[in-house]
N, C-alpha and C. Protein backbone atom coordinates (compact mmCIF):
# COMPACT_ATOMS: atom_id res chain seq x y z
N ALA A 1 -24.96 -8.74 17.01
CA ALA A 1 -25.17 -7.51 16.26
C ALA A 1 -24.58 -6.31 17.00
N ILE A 2 -24.69 -6.30 18.33
CA ILE A 2 -24.16 -5.17 19.11
C ILE A 2 -22.64 -5.10 18.96
N LYS A 3 -21.98 -6.26 19.03
CA LYS A 3 -20.51 -6.26 18.91
C LYS A 3 -20.07 -5.78 17.53
N ALA A 4 -20.79 -6.17 16.51
CA ALA A 4 -20.43 -5.79 15.15
C ALA A 4 -20.72 -4.32 14.87
N ALA A 5 -21.78 -3.79 15.44
CA ALA A 5 -22.18 -2.40 15.19
C ALA A 5 -22.74 -1.79 16.47
N PRO A 6 -21.86 -1.46 17.42
CA PRO A 6 -22.34 -0.97 18.73
C PRO A 6 -23.00 0.41 18.69
N TYR A 7 -22.80 1.15 17.59
CA TYR A 7 -23.35 2.50 17.53
C TYR A 7 -24.57 2.60 16.61
N VAL A 8 -25.25 1.48 16.43
CA VAL A 8 -26.49 1.46 15.67
C VAL A 8 -27.64 1.31 16.67
N ALA A 9 -28.45 2.34 16.77
CA ALA A 9 -29.53 2.37 17.77
C ALA A 9 -30.47 1.17 17.65
N GLN A 10 -30.81 0.80 16.41
CA GLN A 10 -31.76 -0.29 16.20
C GLN A 10 -31.27 -1.60 16.81
N ASN A 11 -29.96 -1.82 16.82
CA ASN A 11 -29.43 -3.04 17.43
C ASN A 11 -29.74 -3.09 18.93
N HIS A 12 -29.68 -1.95 19.58
CA HIS A 12 -29.99 -1.89 21.01
C HIS A 12 -31.48 -2.08 21.26
N VAL A 13 -32.31 -1.57 20.34
CA VAL A 13 -33.76 -1.79 20.46
C VAL A 13 -34.07 -3.28 20.31
N LEU A 14 -33.44 -3.93 19.36
CA LEU A 14 -33.66 -5.37 19.17
C LEU A 14 -33.23 -6.15 20.41
N LEU A 15 -32.10 -5.78 20.98
CA LEU A 15 -31.64 -6.45 22.21
C LEU A 15 -32.63 -6.19 23.35
N ALA A 16 -33.14 -4.98 23.44
CA ALA A 16 -34.13 -4.65 24.47
C ALA A 16 -35.38 -5.51 24.31
N ASN A 17 -35.81 -5.72 23.07
CA ASN A 17 -36.98 -6.58 22.81
C ASN A 17 -36.73 -8.00 23.31
N ILE A 18 -35.54 -8.50 23.07
CA ILE A 18 -35.20 -9.85 23.55
C ILE A 18 -35.22 -9.90 25.07
N TYR A 19 -34.60 -8.90 25.70
CA TYR A 19 -34.61 -8.85 27.17
C TYR A 19 -36.04 -8.76 27.70
N GLU A 20 -36.85 -7.93 27.08
CA GLU A 20 -38.23 -7.75 27.53
C GLU A 20 -39.00 -9.07 27.45
N LYS A 21 -38.86 -9.76 26.34
CA LYS A 21 -39.59 -11.03 26.15
C LYS A 21 -39.12 -12.12 27.11
N SER A 22 -37.88 -12.01 27.57
CA SER A 22 -37.36 -13.00 28.51
C SER A 22 -37.54 -12.57 29.97
N GLY A 23 -38.26 -11.45 30.18
CA GLY A 23 -38.56 -11.01 31.54
C GLY A 23 -37.43 -10.27 32.24
N ARG A 24 -36.45 -9.82 31.49
CA ARG A 24 -35.31 -9.11 32.07
C ARG A 24 -35.51 -7.61 31.85
N ASP A 25 -36.48 -7.08 32.59
CA ASP A 25 -36.94 -5.71 32.38
C ASP A 25 -35.86 -4.66 32.60
N SER A 26 -35.03 -4.82 33.61
CA SER A 26 -34.01 -3.80 33.87
C SER A 26 -33.01 -3.73 32.72
N LEU A 27 -32.65 -4.88 32.16
CA LEU A 27 -31.73 -4.89 31.01
C LEU A 27 -32.42 -4.34 29.77
N ALA A 28 -33.71 -4.58 29.63
CA ALA A 28 -34.47 -4.03 28.51
C ALA A 28 -34.44 -2.50 28.56
N LEU A 29 -34.71 -1.96 29.74
CA LEU A 29 -34.71 -0.50 29.88
C LEU A 29 -33.34 0.10 29.57
N VAL A 30 -32.28 -0.54 30.05
CA VAL A 30 -30.93 -0.05 29.76
C VAL A 30 -30.70 -0.04 28.25
N SER A 31 -31.12 -1.09 27.58
CA SER A 31 -30.91 -1.17 26.13
C SER A 31 -31.73 -0.11 25.38
N TYR A 32 -32.97 0.11 25.81
CA TYR A 32 -33.77 1.17 25.17
C TYR A 32 -33.10 2.54 25.36
N HIS A 33 -32.64 2.79 26.57
CA HIS A 33 -31.98 4.08 26.83
C HIS A 33 -30.65 4.19 26.10
N ASN A 34 -29.94 3.08 25.93
CA ASN A 34 -28.71 3.11 25.12
C ASN A 34 -29.02 3.49 23.68
N ALA A 35 -30.09 2.95 23.14
CA ALA A 35 -30.49 3.27 21.77
C ALA A 35 -30.76 4.76 21.63
N ILE A 36 -31.46 5.33 22.60
CA ILE A 36 -31.79 6.76 22.56
C ILE A 36 -30.53 7.60 22.76
N ALA A 37 -29.61 7.13 23.59
CA ALA A 37 -28.36 7.87 23.79
C ALA A 37 -27.52 7.89 22.50
N ILE A 38 -27.59 6.82 21.73
CA ILE A 38 -26.85 6.75 20.47
C ILE A 38 -27.44 7.69 19.43
N ASP A 39 -28.77 7.70 19.34
CA ASP A 39 -29.44 8.56 18.35
C ASP A 39 -30.74 9.08 18.95
N SER A 40 -30.64 10.24 19.56
CA SER A 40 -31.81 10.79 20.26
C SER A 40 -32.91 11.27 19.32
N LEU A 41 -32.63 11.30 18.02
CA LEU A 41 -33.65 11.72 17.05
C LEU A 41 -34.28 10.54 16.33
N ASP A 42 -33.96 9.34 16.74
CA ASP A 42 -34.53 8.14 16.11
C ASP A 42 -35.92 7.88 16.70
N VAL A 43 -36.93 8.15 15.92
CA VAL A 43 -38.31 8.00 16.38
C VAL A 43 -38.60 6.56 16.79
N ASP A 44 -38.04 5.59 16.07
CA ASP A 44 -38.30 4.18 16.40
C ASP A 44 -37.83 3.81 17.80
N SER A 45 -36.70 4.37 18.23
CA SER A 45 -36.21 4.09 19.58
C SER A 45 -37.16 4.66 20.63
N TRP A 46 -37.59 5.89 20.40
CA TRP A 46 -38.54 6.51 21.33
C TRP A 46 -39.86 5.75 21.35
N MET A 47 -40.32 5.34 20.18
CA MET A 47 -41.57 4.60 20.09
C MET A 47 -41.45 3.27 20.84
N ALA A 48 -40.32 2.59 20.68
CA ALA A 48 -40.12 1.31 21.36
C ALA A 48 -40.15 1.49 22.88
N LEU A 49 -39.50 2.55 23.37
CA LEU A 49 -39.52 2.82 24.81
C LEU A 49 -40.93 3.14 25.28
N SER A 50 -41.65 3.93 24.51
CA SER A 50 -43.03 4.28 24.85
C SER A 50 -43.90 3.03 24.92
N PHE A 51 -43.77 2.15 23.93
CA PHE A 51 -44.55 0.92 23.92
C PHE A 51 -44.17 0.01 25.07
N TYR A 52 -42.89 -0.02 25.43
CA TYR A 52 -42.45 -0.82 26.57
C TYR A 52 -43.21 -0.37 27.82
N TYR A 53 -43.18 0.93 28.07
CA TYR A 53 -43.88 1.45 29.26
C TYR A 53 -45.38 1.18 29.17
N SER A 54 -45.95 1.32 28.01
CA SER A 54 -47.36 1.06 27.83
C SER A 54 -47.70 -0.40 28.15
N HIS A 55 -46.90 -1.32 27.62
CA HIS A 55 -47.14 -2.75 27.88
C HIS A 55 -46.98 -3.10 29.35
N LYS A 56 -46.10 -2.39 30.03
CA LYS A 56 -45.89 -2.62 31.47
C LYS A 56 -46.92 -1.87 32.32
N GLU A 57 -47.81 -1.15 31.63
CA GLU A 57 -48.85 -0.34 32.28
C GLU A 57 -48.28 0.72 33.21
N ASP A 58 -47.10 1.23 32.84
CA ASP A 58 -46.46 2.34 33.54
C ASP A 58 -46.86 3.61 32.78
N ILE A 59 -48.06 4.05 33.05
CA ILE A 59 -48.66 5.15 32.28
C ILE A 59 -47.90 6.45 32.47
N ALA A 60 -47.41 6.72 33.68
CA ALA A 60 -46.67 7.97 33.92
C ALA A 60 -45.41 8.02 33.05
N SER A 61 -44.68 6.94 32.98
CA SER A 61 -43.47 6.91 32.14
C SER A 61 -43.83 6.96 30.67
N HIS A 62 -44.89 6.26 30.29
CA HIS A 62 -45.36 6.28 28.90
C HIS A 62 -45.69 7.71 28.48
N LEU A 63 -46.45 8.41 29.31
CA LEU A 63 -46.82 9.79 28.99
C LEU A 63 -45.61 10.72 29.01
N SER A 64 -44.65 10.44 29.87
CA SER A 64 -43.43 11.25 29.91
C SER A 64 -42.66 11.15 28.60
N VAL A 65 -42.58 9.94 28.04
CA VAL A 65 -41.92 9.76 26.75
C VAL A 65 -42.70 10.49 25.67
N LEU A 66 -44.01 10.36 25.68
CA LEU A 66 -44.82 11.06 24.68
C LEU A 66 -44.63 12.56 24.76
N LEU A 67 -44.60 13.09 25.96
CA LEU A 67 -44.41 14.53 26.14
C LEU A 67 -43.07 14.97 25.57
N ARG A 68 -42.02 14.20 25.84
CA ARG A 68 -40.69 14.56 25.32
C ARG A 68 -40.67 14.55 23.80
N VAL A 69 -41.34 13.59 23.20
CA VAL A 69 -41.35 13.51 21.73
C VAL A 69 -42.12 14.69 21.14
N PHE A 70 -43.33 14.93 21.63
CA PHE A 70 -44.17 15.95 21.02
C PHE A 70 -43.73 17.37 21.38
N ALA A 71 -42.99 17.54 22.46
CA ALA A 71 -42.49 18.87 22.83
C ALA A 71 -41.15 19.18 22.18
N ASN A 72 -40.52 18.19 21.58
CA ASN A 72 -39.19 18.37 21.00
C ASN A 72 -39.30 19.04 19.62
N PRO A 73 -38.78 20.26 19.49
CA PRO A 73 -38.90 20.96 18.21
C PRO A 73 -38.01 20.37 17.10
N THR A 74 -37.05 19.53 17.47
CA THR A 74 -36.19 18.95 16.44
C THR A 74 -36.86 17.79 15.72
N PHE A 75 -37.93 17.24 16.30
CA PHE A 75 -38.70 16.21 15.61
C PHE A 75 -39.62 16.90 14.62
N SER A 76 -39.58 16.47 13.39
CA SER A 76 -40.44 17.07 12.37
C SER A 76 -41.90 16.67 12.61
N VAL A 77 -42.79 17.40 12.00
CA VAL A 77 -44.21 17.07 12.08
C VAL A 77 -44.45 15.66 11.53
N VAL A 78 -43.73 15.31 10.48
CA VAL A 78 -43.89 13.99 9.88
C VAL A 78 -43.48 12.90 10.88
N LYS A 79 -42.37 13.09 11.59
CA LYS A 79 -41.94 12.11 12.58
C LYS A 79 -42.95 12.00 13.72
N LYS A 80 -43.48 13.13 14.14
CA LYS A 80 -44.48 13.11 15.21
C LYS A 80 -45.75 12.40 14.75
N TRP A 81 -46.13 12.62 13.50
CA TRP A 81 -47.30 11.94 12.95
C TRP A 81 -47.05 10.44 12.91
N MET A 82 -45.86 10.01 12.46
CA MET A 82 -45.52 8.58 12.42
C MET A 82 -45.59 7.99 13.83
N PHE A 83 -45.08 8.72 14.79
CA PHE A 83 -45.10 8.28 16.18
C PHE A 83 -46.54 8.09 16.65
N SER A 84 -47.39 9.07 16.35
CA SER A 84 -48.79 8.98 16.79
C SER A 84 -49.51 7.83 16.11
N GLN A 85 -49.17 7.53 14.86
CA GLN A 85 -49.79 6.40 14.16
C GLN A 85 -49.40 5.09 14.83
N GLY A 86 -48.16 5.00 15.29
CA GLY A 86 -47.71 3.80 16.01
C GLY A 86 -48.45 3.63 17.32
N ILE A 87 -48.72 4.73 18.01
CA ILE A 87 -49.46 4.68 19.27
C ILE A 87 -50.88 4.20 19.01
N ARG A 88 -51.50 4.76 17.97
CA ARG A 88 -52.89 4.39 17.66
C ARG A 88 -52.99 2.91 17.29
N SER A 89 -52.04 2.41 16.49
CA SER A 89 -52.12 1.01 16.08
C SER A 89 -51.84 0.09 17.25
N SER A 90 -50.97 0.51 18.16
CA SER A 90 -50.70 -0.30 19.36
C SER A 90 -51.92 -0.36 20.26
N ALA A 91 -52.59 0.78 20.42
CA ALA A 91 -53.78 0.83 21.27
C ALA A 91 -54.90 -0.02 20.69
N SER A 92 -55.09 0.02 19.38
CA SER A 92 -56.18 -0.74 18.78
C SER A 92 -55.88 -2.24 18.78
N SER A 93 -54.62 -2.64 18.77
CA SER A 93 -54.29 -4.06 18.80
C SER A 93 -54.49 -4.66 20.19
N ARG A 94 -54.49 -3.81 21.22
CA ARG A 94 -54.71 -4.31 22.58
C ARG A 94 -56.18 -4.36 22.94
N SER A 95 -57.06 -3.69 22.19
CA SER A 95 -58.48 -3.67 22.53
C SER A 95 -59.18 -4.93 22.11
């Protein structure tokens, strides 16, 4: 998918998920950051990176991503609300 459409952020998120599940964390992080570099306004990419840090229990990085999203004036209120709903559902699924 990356070769066919290298400038589609979601493809990099999918690759990051594969790397994460196979224990290749450094490659997962590179892929998440590539997705954000391609489309810095894609809420799904930011959410995926946030969840990655949350699952790794890297709370400082998780909160850093959250701060960037909620402090960014280019993200609409609707996007921020969607992001927060994803955080809430992720937290409740881990309890």
